[in-house]
Amino acid sequence: MKKDHKKIFLKTTQEEHIKENSNYLRGTIVDDLKNEITNGFSGDNFSLIRFHGMYQQDDRDLRLERNEQKLEPRYAMMLRCRLPGGIIEAKKWLKIDHFASKNTLYGTIRLTNRQTFQFHGILKKKLKDAHKMLHEIGLDSLGTANDVNRNVLCTSNPMESLVHQECYTWAQKISNVLLPQTKAYAEIWLDQKKIATTDQEPILGKTYLPRKFKTTVVVPPYNDVDLYANDMNFIAIIKNNKIVGFNVLIGGGLSITHGNKNTWPFLAVELGYITLEHTLSVAKSIVTTQRDWGNRTDRKNAKTRYTIEKVGLSVFKKEVEKRANTTFEPIRPYYFTGRGDRFGWTKNINNDWSLTIFVQNGRIYDNDKQLVKSGLLKIANLHKGNFRLTANQNIVISEISDENKKKINEIAMSHGLIKKVSPLRENSMACVSFPTCPLAMAEAERMLSFFITQVENIMLKYGVEKEIIILRISGCPNGCGRSLLAEIGLIGKAIGRYNLYIGGNRIGSRIPKIYKENITEKEILTHLEFLIKIWSIKRKKTEHFGDFVVRKNIVKEIVNPIHDFWN
């Protein structure tokens, strides 16, 4: 008997039901805030608070002890600010620092590779205070997590040229046009009176996107935002020192599931070139196409890259052109030379100064080697310009006057903010992982500094200590540490065990291949010593590590990740 396709229904995920029944992200969050019996959120609200920029976490170092004491886990929230382009006035940093010091369990601020900052360890009773503090300084956390367009990245230092300033402006415009329109955020966290009018989400829809969505705006030749890992990317095309249009690339993403060959990392692919006047309509059309065509029955295959693989790039492109009422032109020439931050002092177009500071893991705190938190606080009290957060977890102090340059330099030097570190360390990265991330399988942030020291010693032994290797560690396969765009990438499998990937390239346009699976830190270092030794001896002049291991067929180059990644 022939089946009636109209009667065949695919079962959507539990997350889709939560969004459908949430009353535009309200749920019963207000009731949970009144519940003083638990420090956590219950039921659907556990998921819904993510749309408001928060994740419920617990300290996994204390989990067993509290369980033995028959206590609930030490629940606290991570809150991530929305900060398109990563720019914040220095004077606003004072309140951010004060809140972190007085109202979080850890007292730190974390710079993320999404070019913003987040607080870890906010108790439920302090959440409204956090949102109100952000609101007072003109910020919010709406849409920095879950199934929406996340914080929009842009090339780090817009003060270097007029083009960079334009780039930042477009990042703001795209962020604003794709922002959730629900009034739930203001009602719940800012105590604004509920308006009788009905909520609408003309772009995101009532059930929002099938999965998280990430966007960048990039000024070549610096790929400091790792654009190939993002769903939607606008590469600035420049003529006479002005942006005249954008090359649009879509479908990047790095998250996988260990052993699940239906998941794979993918590099963003080219749609075409558009002139400036079509930027926002194209952005909206890409998002709405993914909204309508994305997989809502399997969240592991719900990202844009899987939609493109399912329908084909040409079909996706035609739909975007139809919705945007435009036609893509052929891609304009562009190239990238690197993706790291440029540290130290630089002079800007207005004849003022910028100082880029390396922050290990993006963690703003004081220790016996560096007084990062205290130093930035002193600078913020003095500085009249901005702080600019980078997608590599560092910070740029920009628009420094000649008058203040000496004072800021003295503070930076006395607090250890200007400190010579190896190129390897400058280009390293790790996700937060333990103890707060519930998805963590192995250490990342807490391991990175020690691990880098061991690799530095190996590089010194073989005379390549001045070379750059892009090395990243992720505590799980969800991609937050961007290990699958590194020359050396570690992805956690269990406590003390990782998959070792090698063969990415310097500019971030090649996915590395697995070299060894489920090995210990000691084993990883043994393998890296062997690889670095032969690289130092047999490489071509100036040949990068990732290029070398591919050329020598130590690992096969991944040309088509769908077929090559798991084989």
Protein backbone atom coordinates (compact mmCIF):
# COMPACT_ATOMS: atom_id res chain seq x y z
CA MET A 1 0.00 0.00 0.00
CA LYS A 2 1.32 3.43 -0.89
CA LYS A 3 1.97 5.57 2.17
CA ASP A 4 0.36 8.97 2.48
CA HIS A 5 3.30 11.27 3.11
CA LYS A 6 0.99 13.79 4.74
CA LYS A 7 0.38 11.33 7.58
CA ILE A 8 4.05 10.64 8.26
CA PHE A 9 5.32 12.76 11.14
CA LEU A 10 8.86 12.88 12.46
CA LYS A 11 9.19 13.03 16.22
CA THR A 12 10.83 16.29 17.26
CA THR A 13 13.27 16.47 20.15
CA GLN A 14 12.38 17.27 23.74
CA GLU A 15 14.15 20.62 23.31
CA GLU A 16 11.70 21.55 20.55
CA HIS A 17 8.76 20.84 22.84
CA ILE A 18 10.35 22.95 25.56
CA LYS A 19 10.68 25.93 23.20
CA GLU A 20 7.18 25.43 21.76
CA ASN A 21 5.60 25.49 25.24
CA SER A 22 7.82 28.16 26.78
CA ASN A 23 5.64 31.21 26.07
CA TYR A 24 8.54 32.85 24.24
CA LEU A 25 11.23 31.74 26.68
CA ARG A 26 9.37 32.58 29.91
CA GLY A 27 8.55 29.09 31.13
CA THR A 28 8.21 29.14 34.91
CA ILE A 29 11.56 30.82 35.54
CA VAL A 30 9.94 33.40 37.82
CA ASP A 31 8.57 30.65 40.07
CA ASP A 32 11.97 28.95 40.22
CA LEU A 33 13.59 32.21 41.32
CA LYS A 34 11.23 32.31 44.28
CA ASN A 35 12.05 28.73 45.30
CA GLU A 36 14.64 28.96 48.06
CA ILE A 37 14.76 25.20 48.75
CA THR A 38 17.11 24.57 45.84
CA ASN A 39 19.85 26.65 44.23
CA GLY A 40 19.06 25.14 40.84
CA PHE A 41 16.39 25.47 38.16
CA SER A 42 13.92 22.67 37.55
CA GLY A 43 12.47 20.97 34.50
CA ASP A 44 12.29 23.00 31.31
CA ASN A 45 13.76 26.07 32.99
CA PHE A 46 17.16 24.35 33.10
CA SER A 47 17.18 24.70 29.30
CA LEU A 48 15.29 27.99 28.98
CA ILE A 49 17.71 30.04 31.09
CA ARG A 50 20.32 29.39 28.42
CA PHE A 51 18.41 31.62 26.01
CA HIS A 52 18.85 34.33 28.63
CA GLY A 53 22.62 33.79 28.57
CA MET A 54 23.13 31.41 31.50
CA TYR A 55 24.11 27.81 32.10
CA GLN A 56 23.38 25.94 35.32
CA GLN A 57 26.56 24.25 36.54
CA ASP A 58 27.92 22.65 39.67
CA ASP A 59 31.42 22.28 41.07
CA ARG A 60 32.39 18.79 40.00
CA ASP A 61 35.35 18.76 42.38
CA LEU A 62 32.79 18.80 45.21
CA ARG A 63 30.14 16.57 43.64
CA LEU A 64 31.13 13.27 45.30
CA GLU A 65 31.67 14.84 48.72
CA ARG A 66 28.29 16.58 48.64
CA ASN A 67 26.60 13.41 47.44
CA GLU A 68 28.05 11.49 50.38
CA GLN A 69 26.74 14.23 52.68
CA LYS A 70 23.30 13.86 51.01
CA LEU A 71 23.45 17.45 49.81
CA GLU A 72 22.40 18.64 46.38
CA PRO A 73 25.30 19.61 44.07
CA ARG A 74 26.67 23.09 44.62
CA TYR A 75 24.63 24.66 41.86
CA ALA A 76 25.65 28.03 40.49
CA MET A 77 25.23 29.79 37.14
CA MET A 78 27.63 30.81 34.44
CA LEU A 79 26.47 34.05 32.80
CA ARG A 80 27.83 35.18 29.42
CA CYS A 81 27.54 38.80 28.27
CA ARG A 82 26.41 39.81 24.77
CA LEU A 83 29.21 41.99 23.42
CA PRO A 84 29.28 42.06 19.59
CA GLY A 85 32.80 42.84 18.42
CA GLY A 86 34.12 42.52 21.97
CA ILE A 87 34.28 46.24 22.80
CA ILE A 88 33.54 47.65 26.25
CA GLU A 89 34.34 51.02 27.78
CA ALA A 90 37.04 50.84 30.43
CA LYS A 91 34.83 52.62 32.97
CA LYS A 92 32.25 49.84 32.65
CA TRP A 93 34.91 47.30 33.54
CA LEU A 94 34.92 48.72 37.07
CA LYS A 95 31.40 47.45 37.73
CA ILE A 96 32.10 44.13 36.04
CA ASP A 97 35.16 43.60 38.22
CA HIS A 98 33.28 44.64 41.35
CA PHE A 99 30.44 42.21 40.64
CA ALA A 100 32.84 39.32 40.00
CA SER A 101 34.71 40.03 43.23
CA LYS A 102 31.66 40.39 45.47
CA ASN A 103 29.01 38.15 43.94
CA THR A 104 30.59 35.05 42.41
CA LEU A 105 32.00 31.96 44.05
CA TYR A 106 35.34 32.20 42.25
CA GLY A 107 35.87 35.96 42.07
CA THR A 108 37.18 35.77 38.51
CA ILE A 109 36.18 36.99 35.05
CA ARG A 110 36.65 34.68 32.06
CA LEU A 111 37.37 36.02 28.56
CA THR A 112 35.94 33.61 26.01
CA ASN A 113 36.86 32.82 22.42
CA ARG A 114 33.40 34.17 21.53
CA GLN A 115 34.94 37.62 22.12
CA THR A 116 33.05 38.37 25.30
CA PHE A 117 33.33 37.74 29.05
CA GLN A 118 31.48 35.48 31.42
CA PHE A 119 31.03 35.08 35.15
CA HIS A 120 31.27 31.67 36.78
CA GLY A 121 29.69 30.79 40.11
CA ILE A 122 26.67 33.11 40.46
CA LEU A 123 24.18 31.80 43.00
CA LYS A 124 20.53 31.86 41.94
CA LYS A 125 19.67 34.60 44.43
CA LYS A 126 22.27 36.88 42.81
CA LEU A 127 21.16 36.42 39.21
CA LYS A 128 18.86 39.43 39.05
CA ASP A 129 21.64 41.57 40.49
CA ALA A 130 23.91 40.39 37.66
CA HIS A 131 21.42 41.24 34.92
CA LYS A 132 20.56 44.58 36.47
CA MET A 133 24.23 45.46 36.75
CA LEU A 134 24.72 44.70 33.06
CA HIS A 135 21.62 46.71 32.17
CA GLU A 136 22.90 49.72 34.12
CA ILE A 137 26.03 49.83 31.95
CA GLY A 138 24.13 49.26 28.70
CA LEU A 139 24.76 45.52 28.32
CA ASP A 140 22.80 42.27 28.52
CA SER A 141 23.22 38.52 28.13
CA LEU A 142 20.22 37.83 25.89
CA GLY A 143 20.91 35.32 23.13
CA THR A 144 24.44 34.33 24.12
CA ALA A 145 23.51 30.67 24.51
CA ASN A 146 21.14 27.99 23.17
CA ASP A 147 19.33 27.96 19.81
CA VAL A 148 19.89 31.52 18.60
CA ASN A 149 22.53 33.59 16.86
CA ARG A 150 25.33 33.88 19.43
CA ASN A 151 27.68 36.81 20.12
CA VAL A 152 28.86 38.19 16.74
CA LEU A 153 32.64 38.24 16.35
CA CYS A 154 34.72 40.72 14.38
CA THR A 155 38.41 41.27 13.69
CA SER A 156 39.84 42.41 16.98
CA ASN A 157 41.14 45.97 16.79
CA PRO A 158 38.87 48.36 14.84
CA MET A 159 41.08 51.32 15.76
CA GLU A 160 43.80 50.17 13.37
CA SER A 161 41.97 51.53 10.32
CA LEU A 162 38.68 52.96 9.14
CA VAL A 163 37.93 49.54 7.67
CA HIS A 164 38.19 47.94 11.10
CA GLN A 165 35.77 50.50 12.48
CA GLU A 166 33.29 49.62 9.72
CA CYS A 167 33.75 45.94 10.53
CA TYR A 168 32.78 46.53 14.15
CA THR A 169 29.73 48.57 13.10
CA TRP A 170 28.49 45.72 10.90
CA ALA A 171 29.00 43.22 13.73
CA GLN A 172 26.72 45.36 15.89
CA LYS A 173 24.10 45.71 13.14
CA ILE A 174 23.98 41.97 12.46
CA SER A 175 23.79 41.20 16.17
CA ASN A 176 20.90 43.60 16.68
CA VAL A 177 18.84 42.44 13.71
CA LEU A 178 19.12 38.77 14.72
CA LEU A 179 18.48 39.31 18.43
CA PRO A 180 15.47 37.56 20.04
CA GLN A 181 12.51 39.95 20.23
CA THR A 182 10.75 38.38 23.21
CA LYS A 183 10.12 40.66 26.19
CA ALA A 184 10.73 37.76 28.58
CA TYR A 185 14.30 38.85 29.38
CA ALA A 186 13.27 42.34 30.51
CA GLU A 187 10.27 41.04 32.45
CA ILE A 188 12.10 38.32 34.36
CA TRP A 189 15.49 39.86 35.06
CA LEU A 190 14.87 43.61 34.99
CA ASP A 191 11.38 43.57 36.56
CA GLN A 192 9.90 45.48 33.64
CA LYS A 193 6.12 45.40 33.52
CA LYS A 194 4.62 42.87 31.14
CA ILE A 195 3.16 44.50 28.04
CA ALA A 196 -0.22 43.23 26.85
CA THR A 197 0.88 42.97 23.22
CA THR A 198 1.66 39.51 21.90
CA ASP A 199 5.30 38.49 21.47
CA GLN A 200 6.56 37.82 17.97
CA GLU A 201 9.80 36.40 16.62
CA PRO A 202 9.75 37.28 12.90
CA ILE A 203 13.26 35.95 12.26
CA LEU A 204 13.85 33.28 14.88
CA GLY A 205 10.29 31.93 15.05
CA LYS A 206 8.34 30.62 17.99
CA THR A 207 10.60 27.60 18.39
CA TYR A 208 13.77 29.57 17.58
CA LEU A 209 16.58 27.88 15.64
CA PRO A 210 17.17 24.13 15.49
CA ARG A 211 20.59 24.60 17.10
CA LYS A 212 23.10 27.30 18.06
CA PHE A 213 24.25 29.64 15.30
CA LYS A 214 27.53 31.56 15.12
CA THR A 215 28.46 34.61 13.02
CA THR A 216 31.64 36.57 12.24
CA VAL A 217 32.68 39.72 10.37
CA VAL A 218 36.29 39.54 9.18
CA VAL A 219 38.90 41.92 7.77
CA PRO A 220 41.58 40.00 5.83
CA PRO A 221 44.39 39.10 6.10
CA TYR A 222 43.74 38.31 9.80
CA ASN A 223 41.57 35.30 10.53
CA ASP A 224 41.71 35.95 14.28
CA VAL A 225 38.06 34.92 14.69
CA ASP A 226 38.50 31.44 13.17
CA LEU A 227 35.79 32.16 10.63
CA TYR A 228 35.84 28.66 9.13
CA ALA A 229 34.33 27.32 12.36
CA ASN A 230 31.23 29.51 12.15
CA ASP A 231 27.78 29.16 10.58
CA MET A 232 27.76 32.55 8.83
CA ASN A 233 30.72 34.75 7.91
CA PHE A 234 31.13 38.10 6.20
CA ILE A 235 34.63 38.70 4.78
CA ALA A 236 35.19 42.39 4.07
CA ILE A 237 36.17 43.32 0.51
CA ILE A 238 37.99 46.62 0.53
CA LYS A 239 38.40 49.31 -2.13
CA ASN A 240 39.95 52.73 -1.53
CA ASN A 241 40.14 51.99 2.22
CA LYS A 242 36.42 51.31 2.52
CA ILE A 243 34.35 48.15 2.72
CA VAL A 244 32.38 47.84 -0.53
CA GLY A 245 30.87 44.42 0.13
CA PHE A 246 31.32 41.01 1.68
CA ASN A 247 32.19 37.51 0.60
CA VAL A 248 29.69 35.29 2.42
CA LEU A 249 30.73 31.87 3.75
CA ILE A 250 28.40 29.51 5.60
CA GLY A 251 28.23 26.14 7.32
CA GLY A 252 31.32 25.97 9.54
CA GLY A 253 31.30 24.01 12.79
CA LEU A 254 33.58 21.80 14.88
CA SER A 255 31.43 19.83 17.33
CA ILE A 256 31.39 16.04 17.00
CA THR A 257 30.38 13.06 19.12
CA HIS A 258 33.04 10.48 19.89
CA GLY A 259 32.42 7.40 17.74
CA ASN A 260 29.37 8.84 15.96
CA LYS A 261 30.23 8.90 12.27
CA ASN A 262 27.07 10.85 11.52
CA THR A 263 28.78 13.86 13.08
CA TRP A 264 31.80 15.62 11.61
CA PRO A 265 33.57 18.98 11.69
CA PHE A 266 33.19 21.16 8.62
CA LEU A 267 34.77 24.30 7.21
CA ALA A 268 32.57 27.19 6.12
CA VAL A 269 32.00 27.20 2.34
CA GLU A 270 31.59 30.06 -0.09
CA LEU A 271 28.14 31.31 -1.13
CA GLY A 272 29.26 34.39 -3.04
CA TYR A 273 29.80 38.13 -2.91
CA ILE A 274 27.24 40.78 -1.95
CA THR A 275 27.33 44.55 -1.86
CA LEU A 276 26.79 46.30 1.45
CA GLU A 277 23.12 47.15 1.00
CA HIS A 278 22.24 43.44 0.95
CA THR A 279 24.14 42.49 4.10
CA LEU A 280 21.30 42.43 6.60
CA SER A 281 18.74 40.90 4.24
CA VAL A 282 21.20 38.11 3.37
CA ALA A 283 21.98 37.56 7.06
CA LYS A 284 18.28 37.26 7.87
CA SER A 285 17.67 34.97 4.88
CA ILE A 286 20.47 32.57 5.83
CA VAL A 287 19.16 32.38 9.38
CA THR A 288 15.52 31.88 8.37
CA THR A 289 16.47 29.21 5.83
CA GLN A 290 18.33 27.33 8.53
CA ARG A 291 15.38 27.94 10.87
CA ASP A 292 12.95 26.32 8.43
CA TRP A 293 15.16 23.59 6.95
CA GLY A 294 17.34 22.59 9.89
CA ASN A 295 16.94 19.21 11.59
CA ARG A 296 14.59 19.36 14.59
CA THR A 297 14.52 15.60 15.17
CA ASP A 298 18.21 15.08 16.01
CA ARG A 299 20.18 17.84 17.71
CA LYS A 300 23.47 16.17 16.84
CA ASN A 301 22.66 16.84 13.17
CA ALA A 302 20.88 20.16 13.56
CA LYS A 303 23.64 22.65 12.73
CA THR A 304 23.80 24.55 9.44
CA ARG A 305 26.52 22.30 8.00
CA TYR A 306 24.21 19.28 8.17
CA THR A 307 21.39 21.21 6.48
CA ILE A 308 23.74 22.11 3.61
CA GLU A 309 24.89 18.50 3.31
CA LYS A 310 21.27 17.33 3.23
CA VAL A 311 19.88 19.73 0.60
CA GLY A 312 23.04 20.70 -1.26
CA LEU A 313 24.85 24.03 -1.29
CA SER A 314 23.31 25.19 -4.57
CA VAL A 315 19.76 24.57 -3.30
CA PHE A 316 20.50 26.38 -0.02
CA LYS A 317 22.04 29.27 -1.96
CA LYS A 318 19.02 29.63 -4.27
CA GLU A 319 16.69 29.74 -1.29
CA VAL A 320 18.75 32.47 0.37
CA GLU A 321 18.77 34.49 -2.86
CA LYS A 322 15.00 34.10 -3.14
CA ARG A 323 14.36 35.23 0.43
CA ALA A 324 16.85 38.12 0.22
CA ASN A 325 15.64 39.15 -3.26
CA THR A 326 19.18 39.32 -4.56
CA THR A 327 21.73 37.25 -6.47
CA PHE A 328 25.20 36.40 -5.23
CA GLU A 329 28.06 37.58 -7.40
CA PRO A 330 31.22 35.48 -7.81
CA ILE A 331 33.54 35.43 -4.80
CA ARG A 332 36.06 38.29 -4.78
CA PRO A 333 39.74 37.47 -4.14
CA TYR A 334 40.87 37.31 -0.49
CA TYR A 335 43.58 35.59 1.53
CA PHE A 336 44.69 35.10 5.12
CA THR A 337 48.18 35.19 6.61
CA GLY A 338 47.50 34.24 10.25
CA ARG A 339 45.05 34.28 13.11
CA GLY A 340 46.91 35.17 16.28
CA ASP A 341 46.72 38.44 18.20
CA ARG A 342 49.48 41.04 17.87
CA PHE A 343 50.83 41.69 21.36
CA GLY A 344 52.39 44.80 22.84
CA TRP A 345 52.11 48.44 21.84
CA THR A 346 50.75 49.65 18.50
CA LYS A 347 49.93 53.13 17.21
CA ASN A 348 46.44 53.72 15.86
CA ILE A 349 45.02 55.83 13.04
CA ASN A 350 44.17 58.66 15.45
CA ASN A 351 47.77 58.74 16.70
CA ASP A 352 46.76 57.21 20.01
CA TRP A 353 47.91 53.83 21.26
CA SER A 354 46.76 50.28 21.90
CA LEU A 355 48.27 47.69 24.22
CA THR A 356 47.42 44.02 23.61
CA ILE A 357 47.88 41.82 26.68
CA PHE A 358 48.24 38.05 26.69
CA VAL A 359 45.85 36.40 29.15
CA GLN A 360 46.46 32.69 29.69
CA ASN A 361 43.15 30.88 29.09
CA GLY A 362 41.37 34.24 29.23
CA ARG A 363 41.11 33.90 33.02
CA ILE A 364 41.14 37.29 34.76
CA TYR A 365 42.50 36.70 38.26
CA ASP A 366 45.60 37.34 40.37
CA ASN A 367 48.27 34.77 41.17
CA ASP A 368 51.88 34.81 42.30
CA LYS A 369 53.12 35.40 38.74
CA GLN A 370 50.65 37.92 37.33
CA LEU A 371 48.20 40.34 38.90
CA VAL A 372 45.94 40.45 35.85
CA LYS A 373 42.72 41.32 37.66
CA SER A 374 44.28 44.01 39.87
CA GLY A 375 46.26 45.45 36.97
CA LEU A 376 43.26 45.76 34.66
CA LEU A 377 41.25 47.32 37.49
CA LYS A 378 43.93 49.99 38.02
CA ILE A 379 44.07 50.66 34.29
CA ALA A 380 40.27 50.89 34.10
CA ASN A 381 40.30 53.55 36.84
CA LEU A 382 42.72 55.61 34.78
CA HIS A 383 41.86 54.86 31.17
CA LYS A 384 39.36 56.94 29.18
CA GLY A 385 39.13 54.60 26.19
CA ASN A 386 37.98 51.03 25.63
CA PHE A 387 38.87 47.45 26.41
CA ARG A 388 38.62 45.19 23.35
CA LEU A 389 38.29 41.46 23.92
CA THR A 390 39.70 39.16 21.27
CA ALA A 391 38.47 35.82 19.95
CA ASN A 392 41.74 34.35 21.22
CA GLN A 393 40.87 35.14 24.88
CA ASN A 394 43.17 38.17 25.14
CA ILE A 395 42.47 41.86 25.78
CA VAL A 396 43.36 45.06 23.94
CA ILE A 397 43.49 48.35 25.85
CA SER A 398 42.78 50.85 23.09
CA GLU A 399 42.60 54.61 22.51
CA ILE A 400 45.37 55.33 24.98
CA SER A 401 46.50 58.94 24.90
CA ASP A 402 50.16 59.95 24.86
CA GLU A 403 49.55 61.42 28.31
CA ASN A 404 48.40 58.09 29.78
CA LYS A 405 50.67 55.76 27.83
CA LYS A 406 53.52 55.93 30.32
CA LYS A 407 51.22 55.47 33.34
CA ILE A 408 49.44 52.49 31.79
CA ASN A 409 52.74 50.94 30.76
CA GLU A 410 54.02 51.26 34.33
CA ILE A 411 50.91 49.56 35.72
CA ALA A 412 51.11 46.82 33.11
CA MET A 413 54.78 46.17 33.83
CA SER A 414 54.45 46.21 37.62
CA HIS A 415 51.51 43.77 37.51
CA GLY A 416 53.11 41.35 35.06
CA LEU A 417 50.73 42.17 32.22
CA ILE A 418 53.57 42.72 29.76
CA LYS A 419 55.49 39.51 29.96
CA LYS A 420 57.49 37.68 27.33
CA VAL A 421 56.01 34.29 26.61
CA SER A 422 56.75 31.78 23.89
CA PRO A 423 54.98 31.94 20.50
CA LEU A 424 53.60 28.49 21.34
CA ARG A 425 51.94 29.79 24.52
CA GLU A 426 50.67 32.97 22.84
CA ASN A 427 48.84 30.84 20.28
CA SER A 428 47.46 28.24 22.67
CA MET A 429 43.86 27.93 23.80
CA ALA A 430 41.70 25.79 26.07
CA CYS A 431 38.03 25.63 26.98
CA VAL A 432 36.92 25.98 30.62
CA SER A 433 36.19 22.28 31.21
CA PHE A 434 36.58 21.10 34.85
CA PRO A 435 35.39 21.88 37.44
CA THR A 436 32.35 23.80 36.19
CA CYS A 437 31.44 22.48 32.74
CA PRO A 438 28.94 19.60 33.00
CA LEU A 439 30.05 18.19 29.62
CA ALA A 440 33.76 17.97 30.44
CA MET A 441 35.37 14.56 30.03
CA ALA A 442 38.96 15.65 30.74
CA GLU A 443 40.86 18.70 31.97
CA ALA A 444 41.55 21.59 29.61
CA GLU A 445 42.02 25.05 31.17
CA ARG A 446 43.61 23.73 34.35
CA MET A 447 45.93 21.50 32.31
CA LEU A 448 47.01 23.87 29.56
CA SER A 449 49.69 25.97 31.26
CA PHE A 450 51.61 22.97 32.61
CA PHE A 451 51.22 21.07 29.35
CA ILE A 452 52.50 24.00 27.29
CA THR A 453 55.57 24.17 29.53
CA GLN A 454 56.37 20.54 28.66
CA VAL A 455 55.98 21.19 24.93
CA GLU A 456 58.08 24.37 25.24
CA ASN A 457 60.88 22.26 26.72
CA ILE A 458 60.64 19.84 23.79
CA MET A 459 60.77 22.68 21.27
CA LEU A 460 63.76 24.20 23.05
CA LYS A 461 65.53 20.83 22.98
CA TYR A 462 65.24 20.68 19.19
CA GLY A 463 65.93 24.34 18.47
CA VAL A 464 62.45 25.40 17.34
CA GLU A 465 61.41 27.33 20.45
CA LYS A 466 60.83 30.54 18.46
CA GLU A 467 58.39 28.86 16.08
CA ILE A 468 54.60 29.04 16.28
CA ILE A 469 52.50 25.91 16.63
CA ILE A 470 48.75 26.35 17.06
CA LEU A 471 47.97 24.06 20.04
CA ARG A 472 44.54 23.75 21.63
CA ILE A 473 42.87 21.56 24.24
CA SER A 474 39.16 20.79 24.56
CA GLY A 475 37.72 18.89 27.49
CA CYS A 476 35.05 17.24 25.33
CA PRO A 477 34.19 16.97 21.62
CA ASN A 478 31.73 19.90 21.55
CA GLY A 479 34.28 22.24 19.99
CA CYS A 480 34.47 25.14 22.44
CA GLY A 481 38.29 25.06 22.48
CA ARG A 482 38.39 24.95 18.65
CA SER A 483 40.87 22.05 18.81
CA LEU A 484 39.72 20.82 15.40
CA LEU A 485 41.26 23.87 13.76
CA ALA A 486 44.64 23.47 15.47
CA GLU A 487 47.96 22.14 14.24
CA ILE A 488 47.98 20.09 17.45
CA GLY A 489 44.58 19.49 18.99
CA LEU A 490 43.65 17.49 22.09
CA ILE A 491 40.05 16.44 22.72
CA GLY A 492 39.16 14.83 26.05
CA LYS A 493 37.80 11.28 26.22
CA ALA A 494 38.13 10.53 29.95
CA ILE A 495 40.00 11.84 32.97
CA GLY A 496 43.64 12.11 31.89
CA ARG A 497 42.97 10.75 28.39
CA TYR A 498 42.65 12.49 25.03
CA ASN A 499 42.42 11.97 21.30
CA LEU A 500 45.43 13.60 19.62
CA TYR A 501 44.80 15.37 16.30
CA ILE A 502 47.52 16.88 14.10
CA GLY A 503 47.72 18.54 10.69
CA GLY A 504 45.66 21.71 10.84
CA ASN A 505 47.27 24.77 9.28
CA ARG A 506 48.42 28.18 10.45
CA ILE A 507 45.49 30.18 9.04
CA GLY A 508 42.77 27.85 10.32
CA SER A 509 41.46 26.55 6.98
CA ARG A 510 42.27 22.85 7.42
CA ILE A 511 40.87 20.31 9.86
CA PRO A 512 43.48 18.10 11.60
CA LYS A 513 43.37 14.30 11.45
CA ILE A 514 43.36 11.95 14.41
CA TYR A 515 46.86 10.61 15.10
CA LYS A 516 46.40 8.65 18.32
CA GLU A 517 43.23 7.80 20.23
CA ASN A 518 42.50 7.67 23.96
CA ILE A 519 46.05 8.24 25.21
CA THR A 520 47.46 9.74 28.40
CA GLU A 521 49.19 13.08 28.80
CA LYS A 522 52.54 11.29 29.14
CA GLU A 523 51.93 9.36 25.93
CA ILE A 524 50.92 12.55 24.12
CA LEU A 525 54.18 14.23 25.10
CA THR A 526 56.16 11.21 23.90
CA HIS A 527 54.44 11.35 20.51
CA LEU A 528 54.88 15.12 20.26
CA GLU A 529 58.59 14.86 21.02
CA PHE A 530 58.99 12.39 18.16
CA LEU A 531 56.98 14.60 15.77
CA ILE A 532 58.68 17.85 16.74
CA LYS A 533 62.11 16.22 16.45
CA ILE A 534 61.56 15.04 12.87
CA TRP A 535 59.89 18.34 11.97
CA SER A 536 62.96 20.23 13.20
CA ILE A 537 65.24 18.03 11.07
CA LYS A 538 63.28 17.34 7.88
CA ARG A 539 61.05 20.37 7.35
CA LYS A 540 61.46 22.67 4.44
CA LYS A 541 62.62 26.18 5.30
CA THR A 542 59.90 27.97 7.34
CA GLU A 543 57.52 25.00 6.85
CA HIS A 544 54.85 25.02 9.54
CA PHE A 545 54.31 21.98 11.76
CA GLY A 546 50.81 21.20 10.45
CA ASP A 547 51.93 21.46 6.82
CA PHE A 548 54.92 19.23 7.51
CA VAL A 549 52.97 16.30 9.01
CA VAL A 550 50.57 16.40 6.06
CA ARG A 551 53.32 16.65 3.42
CA LYS A 552 55.22 13.74 4.98
CA ASN A 553 51.98 11.73 5.09
CA ILE A 554 52.23 11.27 8.84
CA VAL A 555 48.51 11.96 8.70
CA LYS A 556 46.37 12.21 5.60
CA GLU A 557 45.06 15.63 4.65
CA ILE A 558 41.36 16.05 5.27
CA VAL A 559 39.97 17.36 1.98
CA ASN A 560 36.31 16.44 2.43
CA PRO A 561 35.54 16.10 6.16
CA ILE A 562 32.30 14.20 5.53
CA HIS A 563 34.29 11.33 4.05
CA ASP A 564 37.82 11.87 5.35
CA PHE A 565 37.40 12.70 9.04
CA TRP A 566 36.50 9.25 10.32
CA ASN A 567 38.35 7.19 7.68
